[in-house]
N, C-alpha and C. Protein backbone atom coordinates (compact mmCIF):
# COMPACT_ATOMS: atom_id res chain seq x y z
N MET A 1 146.37 127.32 57.73
CA MET A 1 144.90 128.18 57.91
C MET A 1 145.05 128.29 59.54
N MET A 2 144.83 129.74 60.07
CA MET A 2 144.41 129.84 61.50
C MET A 2 143.31 129.30 61.95
N ALA A 3 142.72 129.05 63.06
CA ALA A 3 141.90 128.13 63.75
C ALA A 3 141.06 129.69 63.87
N THR A 4 139.81 128.98 63.37
CA THR A 4 138.90 130.42 64.33
C THR A 4 138.77 130.35 65.67
N PRO A 5 138.27 131.04 65.88
CA PRO A 5 137.91 131.60 67.58
C PRO A 5 137.24 130.31 68.47
N LYS A 6 136.11 129.83 67.59
CA LYS A 6 135.40 129.00 68.05
C LYS A 6 136.16 127.42 68.01
N THR A 7 136.89 127.28 67.15
CA THR A 7 137.52 126.25 67.18
C THR A 7 138.78 125.94 67.98
N ALA A 8 139.22 127.26 68.24
CA ALA A 8 140.37 127.56 69.61
C ALA A 8 139.80 126.52 70.57
N ALA A 9 138.51 127.67 71.32
CA ALA A 9 137.93 127.38 72.17
C ALA A 9 137.74 125.71 72.69
N ARG A 10 137.06 125.23 71.33
CA ARG A 10 136.99 123.71 71.40
C ARG A 10 138.11 122.95 71.44
N MET A 11 139.27 123.51 70.97
CA MET A 11 140.63 123.04 71.21
C MET A 11 141.04 122.75 72.56
N LEU A 12 140.72 123.60 73.62
CA LEU A 12 141.51 124.30 74.93
C LEU A 12 140.29 123.50 75.66
N VAL A 13 138.69 123.69 75.45
CA VAL A 13 138.07 122.55 76.29
C VAL A 13 138.39 120.81 76.14
N LEU A 14 138.78 120.86 74.65
CA LEU A 14 139.32 119.12 74.98
C LEU A 14 140.39 118.74 75.53
N ALA A 15 141.37 120.05 75.73
CA ALA A 15 142.65 119.46 76.09
C ALA A 15 142.29 119.64 77.28
N ALA A 16 141.72 120.38 78.20
CA ALA A 16 140.84 120.77 79.87
C ALA A 16 140.49 119.46 80.42
N LEU A 17 140.08 118.58 78.63
CA LEU A 17 139.04 117.33 79.67
C LEU A 17 140.30 115.98 79.42
N ALA A 18 140.81 115.92 78.41
CA ALA A 18 142.08 115.08 78.72
C ALA A 18 143.07 115.49 79.82
N ALA A 19 143.28 116.07 80.61
CA ALA A 19 143.75 116.57 81.62
C ALA A 19 143.37 116.44 82.46
N ALA A 20 142.11 116.29 82.74
CA ALA A 20 141.15 115.93 83.99
C ALA A 20 141.27 114.60 83.90
N LEU A 21 141.01 114.13 82.72
CA LEU A 21 140.91 112.32 83.27
C LEU A 21 142.33 111.85 83.16
N ALA A 22 143.10 112.24 82.21
CA ALA A 22 144.78 112.05 83.10
C ALA A 22 144.71 111.93 84.58
N ALA A 23 144.60 113.01 84.95
CA ALA A 23 144.81 113.01 86.94
C ALA A 23 143.82 112.17 87.03
N CYS A 24 142.51 112.12 87.19
CA CYS A 24 141.71 110.69 87.81
C CYS A 24 142.27 109.39 87.76
N GLU A 25 142.99 109.01 86.46
CA GLU A 25 143.61 108.06 86.77
C GLU A 25 144.85 107.96 87.44
N THR A 26 145.25 108.79 88.02
CA THR A 26 146.58 108.88 88.76
C THR A 26 146.62 109.24 90.12
N VAL A 27 145.20 109.51 90.59
CA VAL A 27 144.80 109.50 92.03
C VAL A 27 145.10 108.36 92.61
N PRO A 28 145.47 108.15 93.40
CA PRO A 28 146.04 107.11 94.56
C PRO A 28 144.69 106.63 95.03
N PRO A 29 144.10 105.39 95.27
CA PRO A 29 142.78 104.87 96.36
C PRO A 29 143.16 105.68 97.68
N PRO A 30 141.66 106.02 97.97
CA PRO A 30 142.10 106.58 99.46
C PRO A 30 142.76 105.61 100.57
N ARG A 31 143.51 106.51 101.61
CA ARG A 31 144.14 105.49 102.60
C ARG A 31 143.12 105.20 103.65
N THR A 32 142.98 104.03 104.76
CA THR A 32 142.48 104.55 105.86
C THR A 32 143.73 104.71 106.69
N LEU A 33 143.70 105.59 107.68
CA LEU A 33 144.59 105.85 108.68
C LEU A 33 144.02 105.09 109.82
N PRO A 34 144.86 104.11 111.07
CA PRO A 34 144.83 103.92 111.88
C PRO A 34 144.40 104.74 113.14
N GLU A 35 143.42 103.69 114.05
CA GLU A 35 143.11 104.69 115.16
C GLU A 35 144.03 104.58 116.19
N LEU A 36 144.87 106.10 116.97
CA LEU A 36 145.72 105.91 117.92
C LEU A 36 144.99 105.22 118.87
N SER A 37 145.87 104.24 119.10
CA SER A 37 145.82 103.44 120.50
C SER A 37 147.09 103.57 121.41
N PHE A 38 146.80 103.72 123.02
CA PHE A 38 148.37 103.37 123.54
C PHE A 38 147.92 102.14 124.46
N ALA A 39 147.04 101.17 124.04
CA ALA A 39 147.23 100.25 124.76
C ALA A 39 147.98 99.22 125.06
N HIS A 40 148.87 99.59 124.16
CA HIS A 40 150.42 98.21 124.11
C HIS A 40 151.30 99.06 125.47
N LEU A 41 150.98 100.40 125.77
CA LEU A 41 151.81 100.98 127.02
C LEU A 41 151.75 100.35 128.29
N PRO A 42 152.30 100.13 129.48
CA PRO A 42 151.85 99.33 130.77
C PRO A 42 150.87 100.33 131.58
N PRO A 43 149.64 99.91 132.35
CA PRO A 43 148.87 100.94 132.64
C PRO A 43 149.63 101.16 133.96
N ILE A 44 148.69 102.69 134.54
CA ILE A 44 149.02 103.50 135.30
C ILE A 44 147.84 103.08 136.23
N ARG A 45 147.99 102.44 137.29
CA ARG A 45 147.07 102.19 138.53
C ARG A 45 147.24 103.45 139.55
N LEU A 46 145.81 103.63 139.41
CA LEU A 46 145.79 104.77 140.38
C LEU A 46 145.07 104.60 141.68
N ALA A 47 144.93 104.74 142.96
CA ALA A 47 144.35 104.14 143.93
C ALA A 47 142.84 104.94 143.90
N VAL A 48 142.03 104.87 143.23
CA VAL A 48 140.80 105.26 142.92
C VAL A 48 139.70 104.08 142.80
N ALA A 49 138.52 104.50 143.02
CA ALA A 49 137.74 103.87 142.50
C ALA A 49 136.81 103.51 141.12
N ARG A 50 136.78 104.64 140.34
CA ARG A 50 137.02 104.96 138.95
C ARG A 50 137.75 105.70 138.52
N LEU A 51 137.22 106.05 137.25
CA LEU A 51 137.97 107.35 136.36
C LEU A 51 136.85 107.79 135.78
N GLU A 52 136.88 109.13 135.67
CA GLU A 52 136.00 109.73 134.51
C GLU A 52 136.90 111.03 133.51
N ILE A 53 136.42 110.90 132.24
CA ILE A 53 136.79 111.56 131.18
C ILE A 53 136.27 112.67 131.01
N ASP A 54 136.74 113.91 130.99
CA ASP A 54 135.73 115.01 130.92
C ASP A 54 136.20 116.21 129.86
N ASP A 55 135.90 115.88 128.96
CA ASP A 55 135.92 116.68 127.77
C ASP A 55 135.16 117.94 127.87
N ARG A 56 136.33 119.35 128.37
CA ARG A 56 135.60 120.54 127.80
C ARG A 56 136.01 121.48 126.79
N TYR A 57 136.66 120.65 125.85
CA TYR A 57 136.75 121.58 124.79
C TYR A 57 136.05 121.56 123.67
N GLN A 58 135.31 123.26 123.66
CA GLN A 58 134.41 123.08 122.50
C GLN A 58 134.82 123.60 121.37
N PRO A 59 135.50 123.41 120.27
CA PRO A 59 135.72 123.64 119.20
C PRO A 59 135.17 124.66 118.42
N PRO A 60 135.48 125.52 117.86
CA PRO A 60 134.92 127.07 117.10
C PRO A 60 134.12 126.44 115.67
N PHE A 61 134.40 125.11 115.28
CA PHE A 61 134.44 125.20 113.81
C PHE A 61 133.99 126.33 113.03
N LYS A 62 135.28 126.65 112.99
CA LYS A 62 135.29 127.92 112.15
C LYS A 62 136.83 128.18 111.88
N GLU A 63 137.62 128.63 110.33
CA GLU A 63 138.53 128.97 110.46
C GLU A 63 139.11 129.76 111.55
N PRO A 64 140.54 130.29 111.96
CA PRO A 64 141.42 129.24 111.46
C PRO A 64 141.47 128.06 112.30
N ASN A 65 140.74 127.38 113.34
CA ASN A 65 140.62 126.26 113.80
C ASN A 65 140.05 124.91 112.61
N VAL A 66 140.76 124.27 112.77
CA VAL A 66 140.56 123.08 111.69
C VAL A 66 140.60 121.41 112.50
N GLU A 67 140.39 121.40 114.17
CA GLU A 67 140.45 120.35 114.33
C GLU A 67 139.39 119.11 114.64
N HIS A 68 138.24 120.03 113.88
CA HIS A 68 137.16 119.24 113.30
C HIS A 68 137.14 118.34 112.13
N ARG A 69 138.33 118.76 111.38
CA ARG A 69 138.45 118.24 110.12
C ARG A 69 139.45 116.80 110.41
N LEU A 70 140.14 116.83 111.54
CA LEU A 70 140.83 115.48 111.44
C LEU A 70 140.10 114.50 111.57
N ALA A 71 140.79 113.16 111.21
CA ALA A 71 140.31 111.78 111.24
C ALA A 71 140.31 111.65 112.91
N THR A 72 141.59 111.91 113.37
CA THR A 72 141.06 111.63 115.13
C THR A 72 141.68 113.16 115.76
N PRO A 73 140.73 113.85 116.36
CA PRO A 73 141.21 115.09 116.85
C PRO A 73 142.21 115.00 118.17
N PRO A 74 143.11 115.99 118.62
CA PRO A 74 143.66 115.59 119.90
C PRO A 74 142.71 115.25 120.78
N ALA A 75 141.34 115.94 120.90
CA ALA A 75 140.50 115.87 121.92
C ALA A 75 140.12 114.09 122.09
N ARG A 76 140.01 113.17 121.33
CA ARG A 76 139.58 112.31 121.08
C ARG A 76 140.74 111.38 121.30
N ALA A 77 141.98 111.75 121.06
CA ALA A 77 143.07 110.92 121.11
C ALA A 77 143.81 111.19 122.07
N ALA A 78 143.34 112.27 123.33
CA ALA A 78 143.67 112.45 124.24
C ALA A 78 142.77 111.97 125.06
N ALA A 79 141.40 111.48 124.77
CA ALA A 79 140.42 110.44 126.00
C ALA A 79 141.14 108.79 125.60
N SER A 80 141.59 108.64 124.37
CA SER A 80 142.23 107.34 124.26
C SER A 80 143.05 106.81 125.11
N TRP A 81 144.15 108.15 125.54
CA TRP A 81 145.15 107.42 126.06
C TRP A 81 144.81 107.42 127.74
N ALA A 82 143.91 108.50 128.00
CA ALA A 82 143.56 108.04 129.78
C ALA A 82 142.70 107.06 129.22
N ARG A 83 142.09 106.24 128.83
CA ARG A 83 141.14 105.04 128.45
C ARG A 83 142.35 103.82 128.50
N ASP A 84 143.20 104.23 127.92
CA ASP A 84 143.98 102.80 127.40
C ASP A 84 145.15 103.00 128.69
N ARG A 85 145.55 103.97 129.27
CA ARG A 85 146.62 104.08 130.51
C ARG A 85 146.59 104.28 132.13
N LEU A 86 145.43 105.06 132.07
CA LEU A 86 144.90 104.81 133.30
C LEU A 86 144.13 103.96 133.66
N ARG A 87 144.05 103.37 134.94
CA ARG A 87 143.27 102.43 135.73
C ARG A 87 142.66 102.44 136.89
N ALA A 88 141.67 102.56 137.62
CA ALA A 88 141.34 102.63 138.63
C ALA A 88 141.49 101.32 139.39
N ASP A 89 142.09 101.30 140.52
CA ASP A 89 142.22 100.37 141.29
C ASP A 89 142.67 100.58 142.73
N GLY A 90 141.22 101.11 143.18
CA GLY A 90 141.01 101.34 144.44
C GLY A 90 140.05 101.08 145.09
N ALA A 91 139.53 101.88 146.29
CA ALA A 91 138.19 101.09 146.61
C ALA A 91 137.84 102.17 147.19
N ASP A 92 137.85 103.73 147.08
CA ASP A 92 136.97 104.63 146.79
C ASP A 92 137.62 105.88 146.00
N GLY A 93 137.18 107.00 145.86
CA GLY A 93 137.84 108.06 144.95
C GLY A 93 137.48 108.37 143.79
N VAL A 94 138.15 109.44 142.74
CA VAL A 94 137.73 109.26 141.65
C VAL A 94 139.26 110.29 141.13
N ALA A 95 139.14 109.45 139.89
CA ALA A 95 140.51 110.23 139.12
C ALA A 95 139.35 110.94 137.85
N ARG A 96 140.09 112.18 137.62
CA ARG A 96 139.22 112.71 136.44
C ARG A 96 140.23 113.68 135.88
N PHE A 97 139.63 112.92 134.53
CA PHE A 97 140.90 113.18 133.34
C PHE A 97 140.46 114.11 133.06
N VAL A 98 140.56 115.59 132.91
CA VAL A 98 139.70 116.73 132.23
C VAL A 98 140.95 117.62 130.82
N ILE A 99 140.00 117.40 129.76
CA ILE A 99 140.54 117.83 128.73
C ILE A 99 140.16 119.43 128.19
N SER A 100 141.13 120.49 128.37
CA SER A 100 140.39 121.73 128.97
C SER A 100 140.56 122.65 127.30
N ARG A 101 141.65 122.31 126.69
CA ARG A 101 142.28 122.46 125.12
C ARG A 101 142.67 121.82 124.34
N ALA A 102 142.54 121.44 122.84
CA ALA A 102 142.60 120.53 121.89
C ALA A 102 142.32 121.25 120.84
N ALA A 103 143.15 121.98 120.32
CA ALA A 103 142.81 122.83 119.13
C ALA A 103 144.26 122.67 118.13
N VAL A 104 143.58 122.69 116.92
CA VAL A 104 144.56 122.79 115.51
C VAL A 104 144.18 123.99 114.86
N VAL A 105 145.06 125.16 114.78
CA VAL A 105 144.90 126.10 114.08
C VAL A 105 145.60 126.02 112.53
N GLU A 106 145.25 126.46 111.56
CA GLU A 106 146.00 126.77 110.45
C GLU A 106 146.18 128.11 110.26
N THR A 107 147.28 128.10 109.76
CA THR A 107 147.73 129.93 109.32
C THR A 107 148.42 128.92 107.30
N HIS A 108 147.65 130.07 106.95
CA HIS A 108 148.31 129.79 105.38
C HIS A 108 149.40 130.75 105.23
N LEU A 109 150.29 130.48 104.56
CA LEU A 109 151.65 131.03 104.58
C LEU A 109 151.78 131.52 103.13
N PRO A 110 152.86 132.76 103.12
CA PRO A 110 152.79 133.37 101.81
C PRO A 110 153.59 132.67 100.91
N THR A 111 153.19 132.58 99.58
CA THR A 111 154.03 131.92 98.61
C THR A 111 154.61 132.47 97.52
N ARG A 112 155.60 132.43 96.28
CA ARG A 112 156.04 132.86 95.85
C ARG A 112 155.26 132.57 94.27
N GLY A 113 154.72 134.35 93.70
CA GLY A 113 154.32 134.14 92.37
C GLY A 113 154.75 134.10 91.33
N GLY A 114 154.38 134.84 90.23
CA GLY A 114 155.26 134.57 88.87
C GLY A 114 155.84 133.53 88.48
N ILE A 115 157.34 133.83 87.74
CA ILE A 115 158.17 132.36 87.13
C ILE A 115 158.15 132.02 88.39
N VAL A 116 158.91 132.28 89.02
CA VAL A 116 159.67 132.04 90.17
C VAL A 116 158.40 130.72 90.52
N GLY A 117 156.96 131.14 91.13
CA GLY A 117 156.49 130.40 91.80
C GLY A 117 155.50 129.49 91.18
N VAL A 118 155.72 129.51 89.39
CA VAL A 118 155.39 128.45 88.77
C VAL A 118 156.27 127.26 88.74
N PHE A 119 157.69 127.40 89.52
CA PHE A 119 158.31 126.01 89.13
C PHE A 119 158.92 125.71 90.48
N THR A 120 158.46 126.19 91.50
CA THR A 120 159.00 125.97 92.93
C THR A 120 157.28 125.77 93.61
N ARG A 121 157.76 124.59 94.80
CA ARG A 121 156.77 124.53 95.14
C ARG A 121 157.11 125.15 96.96
N ASP A 122 155.96 126.13 97.54
CA ASP A 122 156.40 126.58 98.42
C ASP A 122 156.06 125.58 99.57
N GLN A 123 155.76 126.04 100.96
CA GLN A 123 155.02 125.73 102.25
C GLN A 123 153.90 126.42 102.40
N GLY A 124 152.82 125.72 102.04
CA GLY A 124 151.35 126.57 101.99
C GLY A 124 151.25 126.87 103.31
N GLU A 125 150.68 125.63 103.96
CA GLU A 125 150.32 126.18 105.39
C GLU A 125 150.91 125.55 106.88
N ARG A 126 150.49 126.15 107.79
CA ARG A 126 151.40 125.72 108.88
C ARG A 126 150.21 125.48 109.80
N TYR A 127 150.27 124.03 110.52
CA TYR A 127 149.47 123.69 111.70
C TYR A 127 150.03 123.40 112.63
N ASP A 128 149.25 124.56 113.51
CA ASP A 128 150.08 124.69 115.10
C ASP A 128 148.83 123.89 116.26
N ALA A 129 148.79 122.78 117.06
CA ALA A 129 148.21 121.95 117.48
C ALA A 129 148.85 121.98 118.94
N ASP A 130 147.67 122.16 120.07
CA ASP A 130 147.64 122.34 121.33
C ASP A 130 146.82 121.57 122.28
N LEU A 131 147.71 121.17 123.09
CA LEU A 131 146.79 120.23 124.04
C LEU A 131 147.10 120.34 125.44
N GLU A 132 145.99 120.92 126.17
CA GLU A 132 145.96 121.10 127.67
C GLU A 132 145.24 120.02 128.50
N VAL A 133 145.40 119.29 129.74
CA VAL A 133 144.84 118.46 130.18
C VAL A 133 145.16 118.27 131.16
N MET A 134 144.51 118.12 132.72
CA MET A 134 144.56 117.86 133.74
C MET A 134 144.08 116.82 134.48
N LEU A 135 144.96 116.56 135.55
CA LEU A 135 144.46 114.76 135.71
C LEU A 135 144.29 115.22 137.38
N GLU A 136 143.08 114.98 138.09
CA GLU A 136 143.03 115.38 139.22
C GLU A 136 142.51 114.22 140.48
N ILE A 137 142.55 113.96 141.41
CA ILE A 137 142.37 112.65 142.27
C ILE A 137 141.38 113.74 143.52
N LEU A 138 140.30 112.95 143.44
CA LEU A 138 138.90 113.63 143.99
C LEU A 138 138.72 112.53 145.00
N SER A 139 138.12 112.90 146.36
CA SER A 139 137.65 111.60 147.65
C SER A 139 136.07 111.71 146.82
N GLU A 140 135.77 110.60 147.80
CA GLU A 140 133.80 110.44 147.70
C GLU A 140 133.11 111.65 147.76
N ARG A 141 133.32 112.78 148.11
CA ARG A 141 132.79 113.62 148.47
C ARG A 141 133.26 114.88 147.60
N GLY A 142 134.16 114.70 146.91
CA GLY A 142 134.32 115.57 145.75
C GLY A 142 135.67 116.43 146.40
N THR A 143 136.11 116.54 147.19
CA THR A 143 137.13 117.47 147.77
C THR A 143 138.72 116.67 146.67
N ARG A 144 139.07 117.79 146.42
CA ARG A 144 140.83 117.28 145.62
C ARG A 144 141.83 117.25 146.31
N LEU A 145 142.31 116.34 146.13
CA LEU A 145 143.22 115.50 147.00
C LEU A 145 144.84 115.68 146.53
N GLY A 146 144.69 115.86 145.04
CA GLY A 146 145.69 115.79 144.38
C GLY A 146 145.52 116.52 142.78
N PHE A 147 146.24 116.94 142.12
CA PHE A 147 146.18 117.18 140.61
C PHE A 147 147.72 117.63 139.65
N ILE A 148 147.37 117.33 138.47
CA ILE A 148 148.26 117.73 137.63
C ILE A 148 147.79 118.23 136.36
N ASN A 149 148.34 119.19 135.81
CA ASN A 149 148.61 120.17 134.79
C ASN A 149 149.41 119.29 133.43
N ALA A 150 149.08 119.45 132.27
CA ALA A 150 150.11 118.84 131.36
C ALA A 150 149.86 119.64 130.24
N HIS A 151 150.73 120.12 129.43
CA HIS A 151 150.21 120.44 128.07
C HIS A 151 152.00 120.27 127.00
N ALA A 152 151.02 119.95 126.15
CA ALA A 152 151.66 119.50 124.90
C ALA A 152 151.67 120.30 123.01
N SER A 153 152.60 120.72 122.73
CA SER A 153 152.20 121.30 121.40
C SER A 153 153.58 120.75 120.48
N ARG A 154 152.35 121.01 118.95
CA ARG A 154 153.51 120.11 118.06
C ARG A 154 152.77 121.09 116.28
N SER A 155 153.64 121.36 115.78
CA SER A 155 153.78 122.27 114.65
C SER A 155 154.12 121.08 113.44
N ARG A 156 153.54 121.70 112.19
CA ARG A 156 153.83 121.22 110.57
C ARG A 156 153.78 121.99 109.74
N THR A 157 154.16 121.84 108.76
CA THR A 157 154.02 122.95 107.42
C THR A 157 153.77 121.55 106.14
N VAL A 158 152.79 122.16 105.40
CA VAL A 158 152.56 120.79 104.52
C VAL A 158 153.04 122.19 102.71
N GLU A 159 153.51 121.42 101.69
CA GLU A 159 153.35 122.23 100.73
C GLU A 159 151.88 122.34 100.19
N GLU A 160 152.37 124.06 99.59
CA GLU A 160 151.43 124.66 98.72
C GLU A 160 150.78 122.99 97.91
N GLY A 161 149.19 122.98 97.15
CA GLY A 161 148.75 121.79 96.56
C GLY A 161 149.22 120.99 96.67
N ILE A 162 149.68 120.09 98.42
CA ILE A 162 149.24 119.22 98.76
C ILE A 162 147.91 118.39 98.48
N SER A 163 148.18 116.81 98.57
CA SER A 163 146.15 116.19 98.24
C SER A 163 145.70 116.24 99.38
N LEU A 164 144.26 116.15 99.57
CA LEU A 164 144.25 115.45 100.84
C LEU A 164 144.47 114.66 101.59
N ALA A 165 144.63 113.85 100.81
CA ALA A 165 145.12 112.14 101.55
C ALA A 165 146.61 112.68 102.39
N GLU A 166 147.38 113.09 101.62
CA GLU A 166 148.82 113.76 102.41
C GLU A 166 148.46 114.20 103.45
N ARG A 167 147.53 115.08 102.99
CA ARG A 167 147.49 116.39 104.32
C ARG A 167 146.93 115.45 105.44
N GLU A 168 145.79 114.43 105.59
CA GLU A 168 145.56 113.73 106.53
C GLU A 168 146.11 113.50 107.17
N ARG A 169 147.45 112.58 106.35
CA ARG A 169 148.66 111.66 107.14
C ARG A 169 149.59 112.72 107.65
N VAL A 170 149.47 113.90 107.29
CA VAL A 170 150.22 114.91 107.83
C VAL A 170 149.42 115.24 109.23
N TRP A 171 148.51 115.47 109.42
CA TRP A 171 147.55 115.70 110.59
C TRP A 171 147.65 114.41 111.31
N PHE A 172 148.15 113.28 111.26
CA PHE A 172 148.03 112.07 111.92
C PHE A 172 149.15 111.55 112.83
N GLU A 173 150.40 112.15 111.99
CA GLU A 173 151.52 112.21 112.68
C GLU A 173 151.64 112.97 113.68
N MET A 174 151.45 114.19 113.35
CA MET A 174 151.15 115.20 114.13
C MET A 174 150.30 115.21 115.50
N THR A 175 149.29 114.51 115.16
CA THR A 175 148.19 114.41 116.72
C THR A 175 149.42 113.15 117.52
N ALA A 176 149.56 112.08 116.46
CA ALA A 176 150.50 110.97 117.53
C ALA A 176 151.56 111.64 118.11
N ALA A 177 152.19 112.02 117.29
CA ALA A 177 153.48 112.89 118.25
C ALA A 177 152.79 113.88 119.39
N LEU A 178 152.06 114.69 119.43
CA LEU A 178 151.83 115.04 120.43
C LEU A 178 150.70 114.65 121.62
N VAL A 179 150.46 113.63 121.19
CA VAL A 179 149.94 113.09 122.56
C VAL A 179 150.91 111.80 123.17
N GLN A 180 152.36 111.44 122.20
CA GLN A 180 153.64 110.83 122.60
C GLN A 180 154.12 112.03 123.83
N ASP A 181 154.35 113.45 123.36
CA ASP A 181 154.55 114.31 124.26
C ASP A 181 153.91 114.62 125.41
N LEU A 182 152.59 114.42 125.48
CA LEU A 182 151.69 114.50 126.78
C LEU A 182 152.21 113.30 127.56
N ASP A 183 152.24 112.17 126.88
CA ASP A 183 152.52 110.70 127.41
C ASP A 183 153.44 110.97 128.69
N GLY A 184 154.59 111.53 127.79
CA GLY A 184 156.00 111.23 128.34
C GLY A 184 155.94 112.52 129.55
N GLU A 185 155.18 113.84 129.48
CA GLU A 185 154.27 114.95 130.52
C GLU A 185 154.27 114.37 131.40
N LEU A 186 152.63 113.77 131.22
CA LEU A 186 151.82 113.40 132.27
C LEU A 186 152.40 112.08 133.23
N GLY A 187 153.18 111.42 132.44
CA GLY A 187 154.21 110.15 133.20
C GLY A 187 154.92 110.65 134.30
N ARG A 188 156.07 111.70 133.80
CA ARG A 188 156.68 112.30 134.91
C ARG A 188 156.10 113.00 135.96
N GLN A 189 154.73 113.74 135.41
CA GLN A 189 154.26 114.43 136.64
C GLN A 189 152.94 113.79 137.95
N ILE A 190 152.77 112.70 136.86
CA ILE A 190 152.03 111.56 137.90
C ILE A 190 153.20 110.81 139.05
N ARG A 191 154.30 110.64 138.39
CA ARG A 191 155.53 109.83 139.22
C ARG A 191 156.03 111.15 140.51
N THR A 192 156.02 112.08 139.78
CA THR A 192 156.44 113.16 140.74
C THR A 192 155.51 113.91 141.49
N HIS A 193 154.63 114.37 141.38
CA HIS A 193 153.20 114.64 141.85
C HIS A 193 152.05 114.31 142.64
N LEU A 194 152.00 112.66 142.00
CA LEU A 194 150.81 112.28 142.61
C LEU A 194 151.34 110.84 142.94
N GLY A 195 152.40 110.81 142.73
CA GLY A 195 153.10 109.48 143.78
C GLY A 195 152.67 108.88 144.85
N ASP A 196 151.93 109.38 145.56
CA ASP A 196 151.29 109.15 146.78
C ASP A 196 149.79 107.68 146.29
N PHE A 197 148.98 108.42 145.05
CA PHE A 197 148.03 107.27 144.77
C PHE A 197 148.30 106.50 143.63
N VAL A 198 149.59 106.67 143.46
CA VAL A 198 150.12 105.46 142.28
C VAL A 198 150.14 103.94 142.95
N VAL A 199 149.39 103.13 142.68
CA VAL A 199 149.37 101.63 143.17
C VAL A 199 150.65 101.09 142.45
N THR A 200 151.38 100.37 143.30
CA THR A 200 152.54 100.06 142.28
C THR A 200 152.69 98.27 142.57
N ARG A 201 151.39 97.68 143.24
CA ARG A 201 151.60 96.09 143.59
C ARG A 201 151.32 95.41 142.13
């Protein structure tokens, strides 16, 4: 005997509920990502009396920018780098660490439809992270005595349908690699252009 339309609809609803319950049982518990820290790296001692961190980047809080969705946005990671690695070790003057750009932009990638799309998982999104900072040495009167600019960028793609926990892990790994790149660039430029302000004792 053929099922009535109403019976068929009920069967579809029950099947959907069963699938949803099964999916709920297989969702892994949320994972807490660690806070990025650079305290394990040797400090860079500068001949200044104090350190200032000036975050000038203003997130637009709308697509395609998504840095505000990251547990540790690039701007916060860069500020942590400055606090962990830079030390004021002088009698006067200021080392000002300026964050001018700390963006993460999401781009939706084309995916295949039809039968092929059902059985394949394409890369669904790409994330492009850009971080630009400046370190300047100022006298007590505000005269600039030296400065450097540093830039780092990283990109990652994720599969379509990726879970939020997996996406957050990718963001964390990308941000960690981004600031690691910045660490190398800043270290090189400080040695090259601000060597007179580095305390080596």
